[in-house]
Amino acid sequence: MAQVDQVRLLRPANCQAAALHPDAVRYAFVALISFLFLITLLVLQIWALQAAATGRRQEDLRVNWCSPALQDFAVAVTTGNCEKFSVLDSSSKGIGCISLPGDQQRDWLLGTVIALSVALICQVLDTILMLLTNSKTKWRAVKVQRPWLTMFGGVIMLVVLIVFGVFNAKDLPRGITETVWVYKMKPSWEMGKLCQTEIYPPGLRGVMIGYMDGLFESWGSAYYGIR
C-alpha cells in the first residue's frame, strides 16, 4: 500500500516536468524566422556571386560617365589622350554622358566575387563552430559560441568599402582626363564650336547619385519622374 501511494505521489511531478515550456512557442517562432532569413541571405549571396562572375566574363564592359560639362548641345568629346567619344543622351536633366571602358566596374566585380566567396566560407566555419560548442564553452573567459568570422569579416569589409569609396570619389575614372575639349553644335549654327573644359572628380555626392541611378534605373519614371 505504501508503494502504491508513492507512485501516485510521483505521477503529478512527472506530468509537471513534461509540460510545455511557457516560452517554447516564442522560441520556435524566433528560430523559424531566423531560418527563413538564413535561406534568403544564402540565396541572395549565391545569386550575386553568379551575377558578378557572369559580368566579369563580358568582353566589352562599358559604363556611362556623365557630367554637367557635357550638356548644352555637346555632341563629342576629345580627351587629353586624344581619345574621342560621342556624347550620349541622359535620362537625367542637366548632364551629358560618354561611354567609357568599365575597368573600374570590372575590378568591383572581381572584388565582389572574392568577398562573397570568403563570406560563404566564413559562414560555413561559423556554423561548424557554433554546432561544436555550447553557451558554456569559453576561451580566456570569452564565450566561443559566436559567429566570430562573420562579425569581424563584416567590419573589415565595411572599412574596405569606405577606403575604396574615398579613392573613387576623389579620382577621375580611367579613360578621362581633367582637361577635355567639347564640340558643341546648335541646330541654328552653320559651324560648331570647340570649348576647352575642366573636369573634376565626382566627390561623395556624385558617387551617390551614380550609385542611385544604377540601382533604381529599372524603376523608370517612378525614379526619374519622366513620362
Protein backbone atom coordinates (compact mmCIF):
# COMPACT_ATOMS: atom_id res chain seq x y z
CA MET A 1 0.00 0.00 0.00
CA ALA A 2 2.88 2.34 0.76
CA GLN A 3 4.40 1.56 -2.65
CA VAL A 4 1.15 2.44 -4.47
CA ASP A 5 0.90 5.73 -2.59
CA GLN A 6 4.48 6.56 -3.56
CA VAL A 7 3.70 6.02 -7.26
CA ARG A 8 0.60 8.20 -7.02
CA LEU A 9 2.62 10.94 -5.40
CA LEU A 10 5.30 10.87 -8.11
CA ARG A 11 2.89 10.98 -11.04
CA PRO A 12 1.88 14.68 -10.73
CA ALA A 13 5.54 15.68 -10.51
CA ASN A 14 6.40 13.75 -13.69
CA CYS A 15 3.48 15.30 -15.56
CA GLN A 16 4.53 18.77 -14.46
CA ALA A 17 8.11 18.17 -15.68
CA ALA A 18 6.84 17.08 -19.11
CA ALA A 19 4.62 20.16 -19.51
CA LEU A 20 5.34 22.58 -22.37
CA HIS A 21 7.71 25.42 -21.51
CA PRO A 22 5.79 28.75 -21.47
CA ASP A 23 8.31 30.34 -23.89
CA ALA A 24 8.59 27.33 -26.24
CA VAL A 25 6.25 28.82 -28.85
CA ARG A 26 8.12 32.12 -28.84
CA TYR A 27 11.48 30.35 -29.18
CA ALA A 28 10.15 28.22 -32.04
CA PHE A 29 8.83 31.31 -33.85
CA VAL A 30 12.16 33.12 -33.50
CA ALA A 31 14.02 30.03 -34.75
CA LEU A 32 11.71 29.77 -37.77
CA ILE A 33 12.13 33.44 -38.70
CA SER A 34 15.91 33.15 -38.28
CA PHE A 35 15.98 30.09 -40.55
CA LEU A 36 13.97 31.92 -43.23
CA PHE A 37 16.36 34.89 -43.05
CA LEU A 38 19.31 32.49 -43.36
CA ILE A 39 17.86 30.87 -46.50
CA THR A 40 17.10 34.29 -48.00
CA LEU A 41 20.64 35.50 -47.28
CA LEU A 42 22.22 32.42 -48.84
CA VAL A 43 20.06 32.69 -51.96
CA LEU A 44 20.94 36.38 -52.40
CA GLN A 45 24.66 35.73 -51.86
CA ILE A 46 24.80 32.84 -54.34
CA TRP A 47 22.73 34.80 -56.86
CA ALA A 48 25.01 37.85 -56.52
CA LEU A 49 28.12 35.65 -56.82
CA GLN A 50 26.83 34.13 -60.04
CA ALA A 51 25.84 37.55 -61.46
CA ALA A 52 29.24 39.08 -60.62
CA ALA A 53 31.10 36.17 -62.20
CA THR A 54 28.96 36.44 -65.33
CA GLY A 55 29.53 40.21 -65.53
CA ARG A 56 33.32 39.81 -65.37
CA ARG A 57 33.24 37.45 -68.36
CA GLN A 58 31.60 40.13 -70.52
CA GLU A 59 34.00 41.04 -73.31
CA ASP A 60 33.30 44.75 -73.90
CA LEU A 61 32.22 46.04 -70.50
CA ARG A 62 31.43 49.74 -70.73
CA VAL A 63 29.86 52.31 -68.41
CA ASN A 64 28.31 55.71 -68.95
CA TRP A 65 30.17 58.56 -67.27
CA CYS A 66 28.15 61.78 -67.01
CA SER A 67 28.95 65.41 -66.29
CA PRO A 68 27.17 68.79 -66.46
CA ALA A 69 30.03 69.93 -68.73
CA LEU A 70 28.67 67.66 -71.47
CA GLN A 71 25.30 69.38 -71.86
CA ASP A 72 24.14 72.36 -73.99
CA PHE A 73 24.26 70.76 -77.45
CA ALA A 74 27.54 68.86 -76.84
CA VAL A 75 27.97 66.17 -79.49
CA ALA A 76 31.55 64.90 -78.98
CA VAL A 77 34.45 64.99 -76.52
CA THR A 78 38.21 64.75 -77.06
CA THR A 79 40.34 63.96 -74.01
CA GLY A 80 43.92 64.92 -73.28
CA ASN A 81 44.91 61.45 -74.51
CA CYS A 82 43.47 62.27 -77.96
CA GLU A 83 40.62 59.81 -77.46
CA LYS A 84 37.28 60.78 -78.98
CA PHE A 85 33.86 59.96 -77.52
CA SER A 86 30.35 60.72 -78.70
CA VAL A 87 28.04 62.43 -76.20
CA LEU A 88 25.03 60.26 -75.33
CA ASP A 89 21.60 61.34 -74.18
CA SER A 90 20.97 61.04 -70.46
CA SER A 91 17.68 60.33 -68.70
CA SER A 92 18.75 62.84 -66.02
CA LYS A 93 18.32 66.50 -66.87
CA GLY A 94 21.29 68.85 -66.96
CA ILE A 95 24.02 66.32 -67.78
CA GLY A 96 25.50 64.55 -70.78
CA CYS A 97 27.27 61.19 -70.85
CA ILE A 98 30.07 59.40 -72.66
CA SER A 99 30.71 55.65 -72.78
CA LEU A 100 34.00 54.65 -71.12
CA PRO A 101 35.61 51.22 -70.71
CA GLY A 102 34.33 49.65 -67.50
CA ASP A 103 37.75 48.92 -65.98
CA GLN A 104 36.72 50.15 -62.53
CA GLN A 105 33.47 48.17 -62.70
CA ARG A 106 35.40 45.04 -63.67
CA ASP A 107 37.58 45.50 -60.58
CA TRP A 108 34.49 45.88 -58.42
CA LEU A 109 33.01 42.69 -59.86
CA LEU A 110 36.25 40.84 -59.08
CA GLY A 111 36.15 42.19 -55.52
CA THR A 112 32.51 41.10 -55.24
CA VAL A 113 33.38 37.54 -56.31
CA ILE A 114 36.23 37.36 -53.79
CA ALA A 115 34.25 38.94 -50.93
CA LEU A 116 31.18 36.73 -51.39
CA SER A 117 33.29 33.58 -51.69
CA VAL A 118 35.14 34.43 -48.46
CA ALA A 119 31.84 35.32 -46.75
CA LEU A 120 30.29 31.95 -47.64
CA ILE A 121 33.37 30.12 -46.31
CA CYS A 122 33.27 32.16 -43.07
CA GLN A 123 29.58 31.38 -42.61
CA VAL A 124 30.21 27.65 -43.00
CA LEU A 125 33.08 27.76 -40.49
CA ASP A 126 30.98 29.80 -38.04
CA THR A 127 28.16 27.26 -38.35
CA ILE A 128 30.56 24.40 -37.55
CA LEU A 129 31.97 26.35 -34.60
CA MET A 130 28.52 27.01 -33.13
CA LEU A 131 27.45 23.38 -33.59
CA LEU A 132 30.56 22.01 -31.85
CA THR A 133 30.29 24.37 -28.85
CA ASN A 134 27.62 25.45 -26.39
CA SER A 135 26.79 28.55 -24.40
CA LYS A 136 29.15 27.50 -21.60
CA THR A 137 32.20 26.95 -23.79
CA LYS A 138 34.74 29.70 -23.11
CA TRP A 139 38.25 30.60 -24.19
CA ARG A 140 40.08 33.02 -21.89
CA ALA A 141 36.76 33.95 -20.24
CA VAL A 142 35.16 34.74 -23.64
CA LYS A 143 32.18 32.75 -24.93
CA VAL A 144 33.19 30.78 -28.02
CA GLN A 145 29.71 30.13 -29.41
CA ARG A 146 29.58 33.26 -31.56
CA PRO A 147 29.83 33.89 -35.35
CA TRP A 148 33.29 35.43 -34.90
CA LEU A 149 34.47 35.19 -38.52
CA THR A 150 31.28 36.70 -39.91
CA MET A 151 31.30 39.57 -37.40
CA PHE A 152 34.93 40.59 -37.88
CA GLY A 153 34.73 39.94 -41.63
CA GLY A 154 31.77 42.32 -41.91
CA VAL A 155 33.70 45.08 -40.10
CA ILE A 156 36.74 44.57 -42.35
CA MET A 157 34.57 44.67 -45.47
CA LEU A 158 32.96 47.92 -44.30
CA VAL A 159 36.40 49.50 -43.85
CA VAL A 160 37.48 48.31 -47.32
CA LEU A 161 34.35 49.76 -48.92
CA ILE A 162 34.91 53.12 -47.19
CA VAL A 163 38.56 53.28 -48.34
CA PHE A 164 37.76 52.40 -51.94
CA GLY A 165 34.79 54.77 -51.90
CA VAL A 166 37.04 57.66 -50.85
CA PHE A 167 39.52 56.92 -53.66
CA ASN A 168 36.73 56.64 -56.24
CA ALA A 169 35.19 59.91 -55.08
CA LYS A 170 38.39 61.94 -55.41
CA ASP A 171 39.75 60.47 -58.66
CA LEU A 172 38.53 60.52 -62.25
CA PRO A 173 37.89 57.16 -63.93
CA ARG A 174 40.47 55.70 -66.28
CA GLY A 175 39.93 56.95 -69.82
CA ILE A 176 39.06 60.58 -68.98
CA THR A 177 41.41 63.49 -68.28
CA GLU A 178 40.91 66.68 -66.31
CA THR A 179 41.17 68.83 -69.44
CA VAL A 180 38.84 67.88 -72.32
CA TRP A 181 37.64 69.58 -75.49
CA VAL A 182 33.89 69.54 -76.05
CA TYR A 183 32.47 70.01 -79.55
CA LYS A 184 29.08 71.76 -79.45
CA MET A 185 26.63 72.18 -82.31
CA LYS A 186 23.32 74.04 -82.10
CA PRO A 187 20.72 73.48 -84.82
CA SER A 188 20.86 77.18 -85.73
CA TRP A 189 24.64 77.24 -86.15
CA GLU A 190 26.29 76.77 -89.52
CA MET A 191 29.52 75.66 -87.81
CA GLY A 192 30.19 74.10 -84.45
CA LYS A 193 32.15 75.44 -81.52
CA LEU A 194 35.06 73.80 -79.69
CA CYS A 195 35.31 74.53 -75.96
CA GLN A 196 38.07 73.60 -73.52
CA THR A 197 36.56 72.31 -70.29
CA GLU A 198 37.97 71.23 -66.94
CA ILE A 199 36.53 68.02 -65.49
CA TYR A 200 36.61 67.48 -61.71
CA PRO A 201 36.24 64.27 -59.67
CA PRO A 202 32.64 63.42 -58.70
CA GLY A 203 33.07 63.64 -54.92
CA LEU A 204 30.76 61.87 -52.48
CA ARG A 205 27.64 63.50 -53.93
CA GLY A 206 28.46 62.42 -57.48
CA VAL A 207 29.28 58.87 -56.41
CA MET A 208 25.97 58.58 -54.53
CA ILE A 209 24.00 59.96 -57.48
CA GLY A 210 25.67 57.50 -59.85
CA TYR A 211 25.04 54.63 -57.42
CA MET A 212 21.36 55.52 -57.05
CA ASP A 213 20.91 55.93 -60.82
CA GLY A 214 22.38 52.49 -61.44
CA LEU A 215 20.40 50.88 -58.62
CA PHE A 216 16.99 52.35 -59.44
CA GLU A 217 17.30 52.73 -63.22
CA SER A 218 14.92 49.82 -63.76
CA TRP A 219 12.17 51.77 -61.96
CA GLY A 220 11.92 54.13 -64.94
CA SER A 221 9.52 57.02 -64.46
CA ALA A 222 8.93 56.08 -60.80
CA TYR A 223 12.57 57.07 -60.09
CA TYR A 224 13.38 59.72 -62.73
CA GLY A 225 9.92 61.32 -62.79
CA ILE A 226 9.83 61.33 -66.62
CA ARG A 227 6.83 60.10 -68.61
